[in-house]
N, C-alpha and C. Protein backbone atom coordinates (compact mmCIF):
# COMPACT_ATOMS: atom_id res chain seq x y z
N MET A 1 111.12 139.21 79.65
CA MET A 1 112.86 138.80 78.86
C MET A 1 113.71 139.56 79.46
N ALA A 2 112.97 140.30 80.39
CA ALA A 2 114.56 141.07 81.39
C ALA A 2 114.57 140.36 82.74
N ILE A 3 113.76 140.04 83.31
CA ILE A 3 114.10 138.61 83.81
C ILE A 3 114.46 137.46 83.15
N TYR A 4 114.45 136.54 82.44
CA TYR A 4 114.71 135.88 82.10
C TYR A 4 115.98 135.71 81.63
N SER A 5 116.45 137.04 80.63
CA SER A 5 117.82 137.75 81.10
C SER A 5 118.53 137.55 81.91
N LYS A 6 118.06 138.14 82.79
CA LYS A 6 118.56 138.36 84.47
C LYS A 6 119.17 136.88 84.73
N ALA A 7 117.19 135.59 85.06
CA ALA A 7 118.15 134.83 85.63
C ALA A 7 119.71 133.75 84.01
N GLN A 8 119.05 134.38 82.84
CA GLN A 8 120.42 133.28 81.98
C GLN A 8 121.75 133.95 82.70
N GLU A 9 121.67 135.34 83.47
CA GLU A 9 123.53 135.40 83.98
C GLU A 9 123.36 134.36 85.08
N ILE A 10 122.51 134.56 85.75
CA ILE A 10 122.81 133.69 87.04
C ILE A 10 123.56 132.45 86.62
N LEU A 11 122.49 132.11 85.90
CA LEU A 11 122.48 130.42 85.66
C LEU A 11 124.56 129.83 84.79
N TRP A 12 124.59 131.25 83.59
CA TRP A 12 125.76 130.93 83.46
C TRP A 12 126.81 131.34 84.51
N ASN A 13 126.72 131.83 85.58
CA ASN A 13 127.94 132.49 86.52
C ASN A 13 127.79 131.01 86.91
N LYS A 14 126.82 130.86 87.66
CA LYS A 14 127.52 129.73 88.64
C LYS A 14 126.70 128.11 87.87
N PRO A 15 127.24 127.55 87.19
CA PRO A 15 127.00 126.86 86.61
C PRO A 15 126.74 125.12 87.24
N GLU A 16 128.18 124.99 87.90
CA GLU A 16 128.22 123.44 88.95
C GLU A 16 127.03 123.66 89.44
N SER A 17 127.00 125.22 90.37
CA SER A 17 125.85 124.58 91.80
C SER A 17 124.29 124.44 91.89
N LEU A 18 124.23 124.82 90.09
CA LEU A 18 122.05 124.50 89.72
C LEU A 18 121.99 123.49 88.48
N ALA A 19 123.33 122.71 88.34
CA ALA A 19 123.83 121.89 86.77
C ALA A 19 122.21 120.79 87.43
N GLY A 20 121.57 120.39 86.63
CA GLY A 20 120.17 119.69 86.64
C GLY A 20 119.27 119.94 87.75
N LYS A 21 119.28 121.51 87.82
CA LYS A 21 118.43 121.77 89.35
C LYS A 21 117.19 122.54 88.61
N VAL A 22 117.61 123.85 87.61
CA VAL A 22 117.42 124.63 86.89
C VAL A 22 117.28 124.65 85.18
N THR A 23 115.38 124.47 84.89
CA THR A 23 115.86 124.64 83.62
C THR A 23 115.46 125.38 82.99
N MET A 24 115.48 126.38 82.10
CA MET A 24 115.07 128.08 81.63
C MET A 24 114.49 127.30 80.17
N ARG A 25 113.40 127.52 80.70
CA ARG A 25 112.41 127.84 79.21
C ARG A 25 111.59 129.66 79.03
N ILE A 26 111.64 130.15 77.77
CA ILE A 26 110.77 131.53 77.34
C ILE A 26 109.64 130.87 77.10
N GLY A 27 109.01 131.74 77.23
CA GLY A 27 107.35 130.96 76.62
C GLY A 27 107.34 131.73 75.62
N GLY A 28 106.12 130.20 75.06
CA GLY A 28 105.30 130.64 73.42
C GLY A 28 105.32 132.27 72.88
N MET A 29 104.31 133.18 73.84
CA MET A 29 103.96 134.20 73.79
C MET A 29 105.73 135.55 73.19
N HIS A 30 106.81 134.89 74.17
CA HIS A 30 108.05 135.42 73.86
C HIS A 30 108.56 135.17 72.88
N HIS A 31 108.53 134.26 72.25
CA HIS A 31 109.34 133.65 71.14
C HIS A 31 108.03 134.29 70.09
N LEU A 32 106.73 134.35 70.05
CA LEU A 32 106.25 134.76 69.21
C LEU A 32 106.39 136.57 69.23
N MET A 33 106.74 137.46 70.17
CA MET A 33 107.67 138.40 70.09
C MET A 33 109.10 138.50 69.23
N ALA A 34 109.29 137.58 69.90
CA ALA A 34 110.91 137.77 69.21
C ALA A 34 111.27 137.06 67.48
N PHE A 35 109.84 136.22 67.48
CA PHE A 35 109.72 136.14 66.19
C PHE A 35 109.94 137.33 65.13
N ILE A 36 108.53 137.89 65.63
CA ILE A 36 107.69 139.28 65.23
C ILE A 36 108.57 140.34 64.79
N ALA A 37 109.78 140.75 66.39
CA ALA A 37 110.88 141.41 65.76
C ALA A 37 111.46 140.87 65.15
N SER A 38 112.04 140.15 65.05
CA SER A 38 112.91 139.99 63.64
C SER A 38 112.56 139.93 62.47
N ILE A 39 111.32 139.89 62.72
CA ILE A 39 110.72 139.81 61.45
C ILE A 39 110.71 141.23 60.45
N GLY A 40 110.66 142.32 61.47
CA GLY A 40 110.61 143.99 61.53
C GLY A 40 111.65 144.45 61.22
N LYS A 41 112.92 143.51 62.16
CA LYS A 41 114.54 143.55 61.68
C LYS A 41 115.01 143.62 60.38
N LEU A 42 113.96 142.20 59.66
CA LEU A 42 114.68 142.04 58.40
C LEU A 42 114.15 143.11 57.71
N PHE A 43 113.07 143.03 57.76
CA PHE A 43 111.92 143.55 56.91
C PHE A 43 111.34 144.99 56.76
N GLY A 44 111.48 145.34 57.87
CA GLY A 44 111.26 146.22 58.22
C GLY A 44 111.83 147.66 57.30
N ASP A 45 112.66 147.29 56.98
CA ASP A 45 113.62 148.87 55.73
C ASP A 45 112.95 147.93 54.67
N GLY A 46 112.51 147.24 54.35
CA GLY A 46 112.66 146.59 53.14
C GLY A 46 111.31 146.62 52.44
N GLY A 47 110.67 148.27 53.06
CA GLY A 47 109.15 148.34 51.99
C GLY A 47 108.45 147.69 53.13
N LEU A 48 108.73 146.72 54.65
CA LEU A 48 107.04 146.54 54.72
C LEU A 48 106.68 147.28 55.98
N MET A 49 107.51 148.33 56.44
CA MET A 49 106.69 149.29 57.50
C MET A 49 106.00 150.96 56.38
N GLN A 50 106.86 150.37 55.50
CA GLN A 50 105.63 151.49 54.48
C GLN A 50 104.68 151.16 54.35
N LEU A 51 104.64 149.51 53.32
CA LEU A 51 103.40 148.86 53.10
C LEU A 51 102.13 149.46 54.08
N LEU A 52 102.59 148.79 55.64
CA LEU A 52 101.75 148.64 56.35
C LEU A 52 101.12 150.23 56.65
N THR A 53 101.76 151.00 56.12
CA THR A 53 101.44 152.21 56.69
C THR A 53 100.64 153.28 55.41
N VAL A 54 101.37 153.15 55.07
CA VAL A 54 101.13 154.18 54.08
C VAL A 54 100.23 154.44 53.09
N ILE A 55 99.65 152.32 52.85
CA ILE A 55 97.96 152.19 53.10
C ILE A 55 97.50 152.38 53.27
N GLY A 56 97.35 152.63 54.93
CA GLY A 56 96.60 153.01 55.75
C GLY A 56 95.96 151.74 56.60
N VAL A 57 96.37 150.81 56.75
CA VAL A 57 96.27 149.92 56.95
C VAL A 57 96.59 149.97 58.89
N TYR A 58 97.78 150.70 58.97
CA TYR A 58 97.76 150.74 60.15
C TYR A 58 98.72 152.03 60.27
N ALA A 59 98.19 153.27 61.50
CA ALA A 59 99.37 154.12 62.02
C ALA A 59 101.35 154.04 62.06
N ASN A 60 101.91 155.09 61.71
CA ASN A 60 103.11 154.76 61.85
C ASN A 60 103.55 154.69 63.46
N ASP A 61 103.26 154.81 63.69
CA ASP A 61 103.44 154.39 65.55
C ASP A 61 102.65 153.30 65.64
N THR A 62 101.86 152.79 65.92
CA THR A 62 101.76 151.15 65.50
C THR A 62 101.87 150.55 64.76
N THR A 63 102.64 150.86 63.36
CA THR A 63 103.36 149.99 62.99
C THR A 63 104.82 149.84 63.29
N CYS A 64 105.21 150.92 63.87
CA CYS A 64 106.42 150.51 64.66
C CYS A 64 107.02 150.04 66.26
N LEU A 65 105.46 149.66 66.70
CA LEU A 65 105.31 149.13 67.86
C LEU A 65 105.68 147.01 67.28
N MET A 66 104.76 147.76 66.26
CA MET A 66 104.71 146.32 65.96
C MET A 66 105.61 145.47 65.56
N LEU A 67 106.26 145.87 64.37
CA LEU A 67 107.67 145.73 64.33
C LEU A 67 108.76 145.36 65.09
N GLN A 68 107.96 145.78 66.11
CA GLN A 68 109.60 145.73 67.19
C GLN A 68 108.67 144.43 68.17
N GLY A 69 107.89 143.94 68.19
CA GLY A 69 107.82 143.15 68.60
C GLY A 69 106.42 143.11 69.59
N LYS A 70 105.90 144.15 69.84
CA LYS A 70 104.91 144.44 70.26
C LYS A 70 104.12 144.75 69.93
N GLN A 71 102.83 144.86 70.20
CA GLN A 71 101.35 144.72 70.04
C GLN A 71 101.14 143.61 68.83
N ILE A 72 100.88 142.26 69.74
CA ILE A 72 101.09 141.19 69.15
C ILE A 72 100.33 140.54 67.77
N VAL A 73 99.21 141.27 68.64
CA VAL A 73 97.75 140.28 67.53
C VAL A 73 97.42 141.30 66.10
N ARG A 74 97.88 143.05 66.73
CA ARG A 74 98.22 143.40 65.27
C ARG A 74 99.22 142.90 64.15
N ALA A 75 100.69 142.43 64.81
CA ALA A 75 101.14 142.30 64.00
C ALA A 75 100.91 140.56 64.08
N VAL A 76 100.59 140.36 64.05
CA VAL A 76 100.63 138.88 63.68
C VAL A 76 99.32 139.43 62.54
N ARG A 77 98.16 140.21 62.78
CA ARG A 77 96.95 140.11 61.64
C ARG A 77 97.87 140.90 60.05
N GLY A 78 98.64 141.88 60.45
CA GLY A 78 99.08 143.22 59.84
C GLY A 78 100.01 141.76 58.75
N ILE A 79 100.59 140.66 59.68
CA ILE A 79 101.76 139.94 58.87
C ILE A 79 101.23 138.82 57.35
N LYS A 80 99.96 138.60 58.35
CA LYS A 80 98.59 138.04 57.47
C LYS A 80 98.29 139.15 56.15
N LEU A 81 97.91 140.24 56.62
CA LEU A 81 96.90 140.42 55.08
C LEU A 81 98.35 141.02 54.26
N VAL A 82 99.69 140.84 54.55
CA VAL A 82 100.99 141.21 53.86
C VAL A 82 100.98 139.94 53.68
N LEU A 83 101.55 138.64 53.61
CA LEU A 83 101.15 137.61 53.38
C LEU A 83 100.15 137.19 52.10
N GLU A 84 99.22 137.34 52.46
CA GLU A 84 98.25 137.22 51.70
C GLU A 84 98.10 137.92 50.68
N ALA A 85 98.18 139.49 50.53
CA ALA A 85 98.40 140.68 49.10
C ALA A 85 99.45 139.87 48.05
N LEU A 86 100.60 139.61 48.55
CA LEU A 86 101.91 139.57 48.05
C LEU A 86 101.46 138.40 47.24
N SER A 87 100.79 136.86 48.10
CA SER A 87 100.44 135.67 47.69
C SER A 87 99.75 136.29 46.41
N HIS A 88 98.46 137.06 46.44
CA HIS A 88 97.71 137.10 45.57
C HIS A 88 98.48 137.54 44.16
N LEU A 89 99.06 138.78 43.95
CA LEU A 89 100.06 138.91 43.38
C LEU A 89 101.59 138.14 42.43
N TYR A 90 101.85 137.58 43.80
CA TYR A 90 102.39 136.00 42.63
C TYR A 90 101.94 135.47 41.83
N LEU A 91 100.93 134.59 42.65
CA LEU A 91 100.48 134.07 41.93
C LEU A 91 99.80 134.55 41.20
N THR A 92 98.45 136.20 40.77
CA THR A 92 97.73 136.53 39.57
C THR A 92 99.28 136.51 38.20
N SER A 93 100.19 137.17 39.26
CA SER A 93 101.80 137.13 38.22
C SER A 93 101.80 135.20 37.39
N ALA A 94 101.96 134.85 37.89
CA ALA A 94 102.41 133.61 37.74
C ALA A 94 100.91 132.98 36.95
N GLU A 95 100.16 133.50 36.84
CA GLU A 95 99.10 132.96 35.74
C GLU A 95 98.99 133.72 34.60
N ALA A 96 99.46 135.04 34.49
CA ALA A 96 99.74 136.17 33.31
C ALA A 96 101.34 135.41 32.76
N TRP A 97 101.92 135.01 33.80
CA TRP A 97 103.43 134.56 32.72
C TRP A 97 103.02 132.93 31.99
N ALA A 98 101.78 132.23 32.88
CA ALA A 98 101.52 130.50 32.34
C ALA A 98 100.82 131.36 30.64
N LYS A 99 100.09 131.97 30.75
CA LYS A 99 99.41 132.39 29.53
C LYS A 99 99.70 132.90 28.35
N SER A 100 101.00 133.88 28.67
CA SER A 100 101.90 134.65 27.94
C SER A 100 102.67 133.54 27.25
N GLU A 101 102.91 132.34 28.36
CA GLU A 101 103.78 131.37 27.09
C GLU A 101 103.42 130.66 27.21
N GLY A 102 101.99 130.36 27.56
CA GLY A 102 100.91 129.24 26.36
C GLY A 102 100.65 127.79 27.74
N VAL A 103 100.89 128.32 28.75
CA VAL A 103 101.30 126.91 29.49
C VAL A 103 100.27 126.69 30.28
N VAL A 104 99.29 126.02 30.34
CA VAL A 104 98.29 125.03 30.96
C VAL A 104 98.20 125.75 32.34
N TRP A 105 97.41 126.76 32.84
CA TRP A 105 97.90 127.33 34.30
C TRP A 105 96.35 126.36 34.91
N GLN A 106 95.35 125.75 34.28
CA GLN A 106 93.70 124.88 35.39
C GLN A 106 94.21 123.95 34.40
N ASP A 107 94.44 122.12 34.96
CA ASP A 107 93.86 121.11 33.74
C ASP A 107 92.86 121.13 34.94
N ARG A 108 91.98 120.19 33.98
CA ARG A 108 90.40 118.88 34.36
C ARG A 108 91.16 118.59 35.81
N ASP A 109 92.52 118.12 36.44
CA ASP A 109 92.65 117.83 37.51
C ASP A 109 92.90 118.53 38.53
N THR A 110 93.35 119.79 38.36
CA THR A 110 93.25 121.01 39.37
C THR A 110 92.04 121.50 39.60
N LYS A 111 91.18 121.80 38.27
CA LYS A 111 89.86 122.61 38.13
C LYS A 111 89.12 121.87 39.27
N ASN A 112 89.49 120.72 39.14
CA ASN A 112 88.29 119.09 40.00
C ASN A 112 88.27 119.15 41.95
N ASP A 113 90.16 119.95 41.70
CA ASP A 113 90.47 120.70 43.14
C ASP A 113 89.99 121.86 43.21
N ILE A 114 90.22 122.50 42.91
CA ILE A 114 89.63 123.95 43.44
C ILE A 114 87.86 123.59 43.23
N ASP A 115 87.29 123.20 42.83
CA ASP A 115 85.94 123.28 43.61
C ASP A 115 85.52 122.23 44.42
N ASP A 116 86.03 120.91 44.37
CA ASP A 116 86.44 120.45 46.04
C ASP A 116 86.57 121.15 47.59
N LEU A 117 87.54 122.60 46.33
CA LEU A 117 88.55 123.30 48.08
C LEU A 117 87.70 124.14 47.73
N GLN A 118 86.69 124.59 47.08
CA GLN A 118 85.45 125.80 47.49
C GLN A 118 84.65 124.30 48.44
N ARG A 119 84.21 123.01 47.89
CA ARG A 119 82.55 122.94 48.99
C ARG A 119 83.91 122.72 49.93
N THR A 120 84.81 122.24 50.49
CA THR A 120 85.55 122.00 51.97
C THR A 120 85.29 123.22 52.58
N PHE A 121 85.59 124.56 51.86
CA PHE A 121 85.53 125.20 52.62
C PHE A 121 84.11 126.03 52.80
N ARG A 122 83.01 125.65 52.06
CA ARG A 122 81.71 125.97 52.18
C ARG A 122 81.29 124.87 53.58
N ALA A 123 81.41 124.15 53.93
CA ALA A 123 81.03 122.63 54.47
C ALA A 123 81.87 122.76 56.08
N LYS A 124 82.56 123.98 55.90
CA LYS A 124 83.80 124.21 57.36
C LYS A 124 84.40 123.03 57.40
N ASP A 125 85.09 122.07 56.36
CA ASP A 125 85.05 120.60 56.94
C ASP A 125 86.96 120.94 56.65
N MET A 126 86.93 121.49 58.57
CA MET A 126 88.95 121.87 58.30
C MET A 126 90.09 120.84 57.42
N GLN A 127 89.90 119.55 58.59
CA GLN A 127 90.04 118.86 57.62
C GLN A 127 90.71 117.96 56.24
N SER A 128 89.08 118.19 55.41
CA SER A 128 89.27 117.95 54.01
C SER A 128 90.36 119.92 53.11
N SER A 129 89.49 120.54 54.05
CA SER A 129 90.20 121.47 53.05
C SER A 129 91.82 121.73 52.77
N THR A 130 92.19 121.35 54.27
CA THR A 130 93.72 121.42 53.84
C THR A 130 94.57 120.21 53.33
N THR A 131 93.82 118.68 53.20
CA THR A 131 93.83 118.07 52.35
C THR A 131 93.84 118.17 51.11
N THR A 132 92.73 119.16 50.36
CA THR A 132 92.66 119.41 49.32
C THR A 132 93.74 120.34 49.11
N LEU A 133 93.51 121.46 50.04
CA LEU A 133 94.64 122.82 49.59
C LEU A 133 96.10 122.09 49.35
N THR A 134 96.14 121.45 50.68
CA THR A 134 97.67 120.96 49.73
C THR A 134 97.98 119.70 48.45
N HIS A 135 96.99 118.94 48.49
CA HIS A 135 96.89 118.39 47.16
C HIS A 135 96.66 119.74 46.20
N LEU A 136 96.19 120.63 45.87
CA LEU A 136 95.54 121.68 44.45
C LEU A 136 97.32 122.62 44.81
N ASN A 137 97.73 122.82 45.63
CA ASN A 137 99.46 123.06 45.91
C ASN A 137 100.25 122.80 45.23
N ILE A 138 100.60 121.54 45.43
CA ILE A 138 101.55 120.50 44.62
C ILE A 138 101.27 120.02 43.53
N SER A 139 99.57 120.01 42.71
CA SER A 139 99.45 119.98 41.51
C SER A 139 100.24 121.33 40.73
N ILE A 140 99.73 122.54 41.11
CA ILE A 140 100.11 123.42 40.03
C ILE A 140 101.55 123.99 40.68
N THR A 141 101.56 123.79 41.74
CA THR A 141 103.33 123.52 41.58
C THR A 141 104.50 122.76 40.94
N ALA A 142 103.73 121.91 40.93
CA ALA A 142 104.39 120.44 39.65
C ALA A 142 104.49 121.47 39.11
N HIS A 143 103.43 121.96 38.05
CA HIS A 143 103.74 122.05 36.17
C HIS A 143 103.67 123.57 36.25
N VAL A 144 103.48 124.71 37.05
CA VAL A 144 103.49 125.79 36.13
C VAL A 144 104.59 126.58 37.24
N LEU A 145 104.67 126.25 38.78
CA LEU A 145 105.32 127.17 39.42
C LEU A 145 106.76 127.34 39.48
N HIS A 146 107.06 125.91 39.61
CA HIS A 146 108.59 125.78 39.13
C HIS A 146 109.81 126.22 38.01
N ARG A 147 108.44 126.07 36.64
CA ARG A 147 109.05 126.93 35.41
C ARG A 147 108.97 128.32 35.21
N PHE A 148 108.13 129.30 36.18
CA PHE A 148 107.70 130.14 36.37
C PHE A 148 109.08 131.41 37.57
N GLN A 149 109.30 129.96 38.87
CA GLN A 149 110.11 130.53 39.61
C GLN A 149 111.24 130.83 38.53
N SER A 150 111.36 129.88 37.95
CA SER A 150 112.81 129.84 37.35
C SER A 150 113.35 130.61 36.38
N VAL A 151 112.21 130.97 35.50
CA VAL A 151 112.24 132.30 35.05
C VAL A 151 112.53 133.61 35.04
N GLY A 152 111.49 133.84 36.75
CA GLY A 152 112.03 135.27 37.17
C GLY A 152 113.35 135.23 37.65
N ARG A 153 113.93 134.49 38.15
CA ARG A 153 115.28 134.09 39.05
C ARG A 153 116.14 134.53 37.50
N SER A 154 116.21 133.71 36.36
CA SER A 154 117.13 134.16 35.85
C SER A 154 117.60 135.27 35.23
N GLN A 155 115.51 136.25 35.36
CA GLN A 155 115.49 137.35 34.62
C GLN A 155 115.76 139.14 35.87
N SER A 156 115.67 138.31 37.44
CA SER A 156 115.56 140.00 37.82
C SER A 156 116.25 138.59 39.62
N ALA A 157 117.44 139.78 40.13
CA ALA A 157 118.06 139.54 40.98
C ALA A 157 117.40 139.27 42.19
N THR A 158 116.31 140.28 42.03
CA THR A 158 115.12 140.24 43.21
C THR A 158 114.10 140.05 43.48
N PHE A 159 113.74 139.01 42.13
CA PHE A 159 112.68 137.93 41.88
C PHE A 159 112.80 136.77 43.61
N ILE A 160 112.96 136.33 43.93
CA ILE A 160 112.84 135.66 45.30
C ILE A 160 112.83 136.36 46.20
N PHE A 161 113.21 137.69 46.77
CA PHE A 161 112.42 137.63 47.69
C PHE A 161 110.70 138.62 48.12
């Protein structure tokens, strides 16, 4: 990153002599590091750091490095764990809301899609799993989650967060 920024300064100072001769590109790893650092900047003080450290997933210093864009493998794993946990809480809340409101959470088509998804997971068929999961997501989103989101937004300013 330091070399890239210095080279970019040189390009900015002498653009006419280097025009069309040099193309600066940053690598994929550095893109990922910058992306993870931006997540850490946005959500680190919003509870992400405490979430990863208090429950004992990572130590405090490791979490600090992860949210700075270092420790990439651990950071990606940690973000995936947080996403999985928050998705589980979100869907559990949506299901409880649907039951309390009398909204059908699983109709026959949704139940069939879930069974198909389990079969494709067991068969390790990535293509069919992706297709079935997309179809399942669309069907649940269409008849339950949109209503749940609109009710949640009207009741809480931080629901979308």
